[in-house]
Protein backbone atom coordinates (compact mmCIF):
# COMPACT_ATOMS: atom_id res chain seq x y z
CA UNK A 1 10.34 178.60 -30.58
CA UNK A 2 10.44 174.91 -29.62
CA UNK A 3 9.27 174.13 -33.17
CA UNK A 4 12.19 176.11 -34.63
CA UNK A 5 14.70 174.45 -32.32
CA UNK A 6 13.35 171.01 -33.24
CA UNK A 7 13.78 171.60 -36.96
CA UNK A 8 17.22 173.20 -36.50
CA UNK A 9 18.42 170.12 -34.60
CA UNK A 10 16.69 167.82 -37.11
CA UNK A 11 18.35 169.53 -40.07
CA UNK A 12 21.74 169.37 -38.29
CA UNK A 13 21.51 165.59 -37.86
CA UNK A 14 20.22 165.13 -41.41
CA UNK A 15 23.21 167.07 -42.73
CA UNK A 16 25.57 164.91 -40.67
CA UNK A 17 23.86 161.75 -41.86
CA UNK A 18 24.07 162.89 -45.47
CA UNK A 19 27.82 163.48 -45.23
CA UNK A 20 28.29 160.09 -43.57
CA UNK A 21 26.41 158.48 -46.45
CA UNK A 22 28.48 160.41 -49.00
CA UNK A 23 31.60 158.99 -47.33
CA UNK A 24 30.03 155.53 -47.35
CA UNK A 25 29.20 155.92 -51.05
CA UNK A 26 32.78 157.00 -51.77
CA UNK A 27 34.22 154.01 -49.91
CA UNK A 28 31.81 151.62 -51.63
CA UNK A 29 32.79 153.05 -55.00
CA UNK A 30 36.42 152.48 -54.06
CA UNK A 31 36.24 148.96 -52.59
CA UNK A 32 33.07 147.37 -54.02
CA UNK A 33 34.19 144.25 -55.93
CA UNK A 34 34.58 145.63 -59.42
CA UNK A 35 32.97 143.64 -62.17
CA UNK A 36 30.85 144.78 -65.06
CA UNK A 37 27.11 144.73 -64.37
CA UNK A 38 26.45 143.44 -67.86
CA UNK A 39 29.06 140.79 -68.61
CA UNK A 40 30.88 140.53 -65.23
CA UNK A 41 34.20 141.50 -66.73
CA UNK A 42 36.49 142.13 -63.73
CA UNK A 43 38.00 145.49 -62.83
CA UNK A 44 35.23 147.81 -64.03
CA UNK A 45 31.61 148.58 -63.11
CA UNK A 46 30.53 149.07 -66.72
CA UNK A 47 32.71 147.96 -69.61
CA UNK A 48 32.60 149.97 -72.83
CA UNK A 49 30.62 147.27 -74.65
CA UNK A 50 27.88 147.08 -72.01
CA UNK A 51 27.77 150.87 -71.68
CA UNK A 52 27.23 151.06 -75.42
CA UNK A 53 24.59 148.33 -75.22
CA UNK A 54 22.69 150.32 -72.57
CA UNK A 55 22.90 153.52 -74.60
CA UNK A 56 21.78 151.71 -77.75
CA UNK A 57 18.64 150.64 -75.87
CA UNK A 58 17.91 154.35 -75.39
CA UNK A 59 17.94 154.82 -79.17
CA UNK A 60 14.35 153.52 -79.11
CA UNK A 61 12.76 155.76 -76.47
CA UNK A 62 9.15 155.65 -75.38
CA UNK A 63 7.25 158.85 -76.08
CA UNK A 64 3.77 159.42 -74.69
CA UNK A 65 1.29 162.17 -73.93
CA UNK A 66 -0.93 161.68 -70.91
CA UNK A 67 -1.93 162.99 -67.48
CA UNK A 68 -1.81 166.57 -68.73
CA UNK A 69 1.85 166.41 -69.78
CA UNK A 70 2.70 167.85 -73.18
CA UNK A 71 5.17 165.00 -73.66
CA UNK A 72 6.86 162.30 -71.57
CA UNK A 73 10.12 160.87 -72.95
CA UNK A 74 11.30 157.61 -71.37
CA UNK A 75 14.73 156.21 -72.21
CA UNK A 76 14.78 152.57 -71.08
CA UNK A 77 12.63 149.53 -70.26
CA UNK A 78 13.12 148.72 -66.56
CA UNK A 79 11.91 145.17 -67.13
CA UNK A 80 15.03 144.38 -69.16
CA UNK A 81 17.95 142.84 -67.29
CA UNK A 82 20.72 145.40 -67.85
CA UNK A 83 18.77 148.63 -67.15
CA UNK A 84 17.13 147.07 -64.09
CA UNK A 85 20.38 145.85 -62.58
CA UNK A 86 22.17 149.18 -63.07
CA UNK A 87 19.28 151.37 -61.87
CA UNK A 88 18.70 149.21 -58.77
CA UNK A 89 22.38 149.47 -57.81
CA UNK A 90 22.25 153.24 -58.35
CA UNK A 91 18.98 153.81 -56.47
CA UNK A 92 19.20 151.16 -53.75
CA UNK A 93 22.07 149.78 -51.62
CA UNK A 94 24.98 149.89 -52.27
CA UNK A 95 24.01 153.29 -53.85
CA UNK A 96 26.84 153.51 -56.41
CA UNK A 97 26.73 157.19 -57.31
CA UNK A 98 29.27 156.94 -60.13
CA UNK A 99 26.67 155.13 -62.28
CA UNK A 100 25.05 158.55 -62.84
CA UNK A 101 27.24 159.12 -65.92
CA UNK A 102 26.17 156.11 -67.97
CA UNK A 103 22.52 156.42 -66.91
CA UNK A 104 22.44 160.14 -67.70
CA UNK A 105 24.03 159.39 -71.07
CA UNK A 106 21.22 156.94 -71.81
CA UNK A 107 18.58 159.54 -70.93
CA UNK A 108 20.34 162.21 -73.00
CA UNK A 109 20.55 159.80 -75.95
CA UNK A 110 16.78 159.26 -75.78
CA UNK A 111 16.03 162.99 -75.63
CA UNK A 112 18.37 163.76 -78.53
CA UNK A 113 16.14 161.61 -80.74
CA UNK A 114 13.79 164.60 -80.71
CA UNK A 115 15.93 167.55 -81.95
CA UNK A 116 12.91 169.71 -82.77
CA UNK A 117 11.69 169.28 -79.21
CA UNK A 118 15.07 170.33 -77.81
CA UNK A 119 14.97 173.51 -79.90
CA UNK A 120 11.43 174.20 -78.68
CA UNK A 121 12.41 173.68 -75.04
CA UNK A 122 15.39 176.01 -75.32
CA UNK A 123 13.42 178.68 -77.18
CA UNK A 124 10.71 178.70 -74.50
CA UNK A 125 13.16 178.70 -71.55
CA UNK A 126 12.03 175.46 -69.97
CA UNK A 127 13.29 174.82 -66.45
CA UNK A 128 14.51 171.39 -65.27
CA UNK A 129 13.14 170.31 -61.88
CA UNK A 130 14.05 166.88 -60.44
CA UNK A 131 11.51 164.92 -58.41
CA UNK A 132 12.77 165.55 -54.86
CA UNK A 133 13.45 163.13 -52.04
CA UNK A 134 12.31 163.65 -48.47
CA UNK A 135 15.08 164.93 -46.15
CA UNK A 136 15.15 161.53 -44.43
CA UNK A 137 15.53 159.58 -47.68
CA UNK A 138 18.18 162.03 -48.92
CA UNK A 139 20.12 161.55 -45.69
CA UNK A 140 19.91 157.76 -46.02
CA UNK A 141 21.00 157.65 -49.65
CA UNK A 142 23.42 160.57 -49.69
CA UNK A 143 22.21 161.85 -53.07
CA UNK A 144 19.05 162.32 -55.13
CA UNK A 145 19.36 160.21 -58.27
CA UNK A 146 16.94 162.41 -60.23
CA UNK A 147 18.87 165.53 -59.23
CA UNK A 148 22.17 164.03 -60.42
CA UNK A 149 20.61 163.29 -63.80
CA UNK A 150 19.04 166.77 -63.97
CA UNK A 151 22.47 168.34 -63.47
CA UNK A 152 23.88 166.31 -66.37
CA UNK A 153 20.90 167.20 -68.57
CA UNK A 154 21.24 170.89 -67.74
CA UNK A 155 24.86 170.85 -68.90
CA UNK A 156 24.32 168.78 -72.03
CA UNK A 157 21.07 170.36 -73.22
CA UNK A 158 21.77 173.97 -72.12
CA UNK A 159 18.60 174.17 -70.02
CA UNK A 160 18.30 175.94 -66.68
CA UNK A 161 18.10 173.80 -63.56
CA UNK A 162 16.18 174.85 -60.42
CA UNK A 163 15.90 171.95 -57.93
CA UNK A 164 14.86 174.18 -55.04
CA UNK A 165 11.42 174.93 -56.47
CA UNK A 166 9.87 171.59 -55.51
CA UNK A 167 10.19 170.04 -52.05
CA UNK A 168 9.07 166.71 -50.66
CA UNK A 169 7.72 167.46 -47.20
CA UNK A 170 6.78 163.95 -46.07
CA UNK A 171 8.69 160.71 -45.98
CA UNK A 172 6.79 157.93 -47.77
CA UNK A 173 7.23 154.21 -48.03
CA UNK A 174 8.65 152.83 -51.26
CA UNK A 175 6.23 152.69 -54.18
CA UNK A 176 7.82 149.46 -55.45
CA UNK A 177 5.31 146.93 -54.09
CA UNK A 178 2.20 149.13 -54.20
CA UNK A 179 -0.62 148.90 -56.73
CA UNK A 180 -1.88 151.92 -58.68
CA UNK A 181 -4.44 153.03 -56.09
CA UNK A 182 -2.02 152.55 -53.19
CA UNK A 183 0.61 154.61 -55.03
CA UNK A 184 -1.81 157.53 -55.40
CA UNK A 185 -2.64 157.45 -51.70
CA UNK A 186 1.02 157.03 -50.69
CA UNK A 187 2.17 160.06 -52.68
CA UNK A 188 -0.79 162.34 -51.87
CA UNK A 189 0.09 165.79 -50.43
CA UNK A 190 3.82 165.06 -50.20
CA UNK A 191 5.12 167.87 -52.46
CA UNK A 192 5.20 171.62 -51.94
CA UNK A 193 6.14 174.46 -54.27
CA UNK A 194 8.99 176.37 -52.63
CA UNK A 195 9.47 179.63 -54.48
CA UNK A 196 7.97 183.04 -55.16
CA UNK A 197 7.22 182.76 -58.88
CA UNK A 198 6.66 179.46 -60.62
CA UNK A 199 8.18 179.11 -64.11
CA UNK A 200 5.53 178.75 -66.81
CA UNK A 201 7.46 176.01 -68.68
CA UNK A 202 8.83 173.06 -66.71
CA UNK A 203 10.46 169.66 -67.34
CA UNK A 204 10.22 167.17 -64.47
CA UNK A 205 13.04 164.64 -64.15
CA UNK A 206 12.34 161.22 -62.61
CA UNK A 207 14.05 157.84 -62.55
CA UNK A 208 11.23 155.30 -62.97
CA UNK A 209 7.72 155.66 -64.41
CA UNK A 210 5.27 152.95 -63.38
CA UNK A 211 1.74 154.29 -62.91
CA UNK A 212 2.78 157.95 -63.18
CA UNK A 213 1.40 158.79 -59.72
CA UNK A 214 4.54 160.65 -58.60
CA UNK A 215 4.79 162.77 -61.74
CA UNK A 216 1.08 163.51 -61.70
CA UNK A 217 1.15 164.66 -58.07
CA UNK A 218 4.22 166.85 -58.63
CA UNK A 219 2.76 168.41 -61.79
CA UNK A 220 -0.50 169.18 -59.97
CA UNK A 221 1.38 171.19 -57.33
CA UNK A 222 3.35 173.08 -60.00
CA UNK A 223 0.21 173.88 -61.99
CA UNK A 224 -1.42 175.24 -58.86
CA UNK A 225 1.66 177.45 -58.43
CA UNK A 226 1.32 178.81 -61.99
CA UNK A 227 3.03 176.40 -64.43
CA UNK A 228 1.38 176.38 -67.86
CA UNK A 229 3.17 173.60 -69.74
CA UNK A 230 4.92 170.60 -68.21
CA UNK A 231 7.02 167.88 -69.85
CA UNK A 232 8.78 164.91 -68.21
CA UNK A 233 12.06 163.13 -68.93
CA UNK A 234 12.25 159.71 -67.28
CA UNK A 235 15.09 157.20 -67.17
CA UNK A 236 13.03 153.99 -67.35
CA UNK A 237 9.51 152.64 -67.56
CA UNK A 238 8.65 150.01 -64.94
């Protein structure tokens, strides 16, 4: 009983914190000094020219097959100045949520370079599942960047979206400054399948691919739950 009360209270405060962060994100979006991330043109976060430049970068996506994935499609190179600056501002403070549109457009542009794949995914009823955040991280940020992109992809590509099937049950430290082995250890046993029947065909959505440890760990849990074929759509390669 004490266990149940603890988690009820914990969830209550996490919900409150998440709404506070949503308000903070809204205010930041409203008052953050507006200048284009690409050319610093005043009055706008992303001018049309820089938005087009970012999307044109996604016209040359990275496509690879490894770690048991049928295919991994990656839109952008995180090492380049413009993608890195925009993604960092989206994912880290000041957490500008409105950048989801241009970043999702870049990912969609990359995926649309493979029309035969899109037809295959639709025909076989693939399900979009974003890489989840821990409740603590979600409360801090106010949104899950991978989930926001998955929603956009679901609408644009006419694919079903089921974010509730994969949960992150542990809070982990950032992967940013960890090497490959440390990333594997850091992400070990942090995901849980949270459903009755696992879809047989799944697409994982993630923001940054570096060593692939996060995707590999998530796919392992889904395969244990019954998934047969897993793809991944990723915004950028680190």
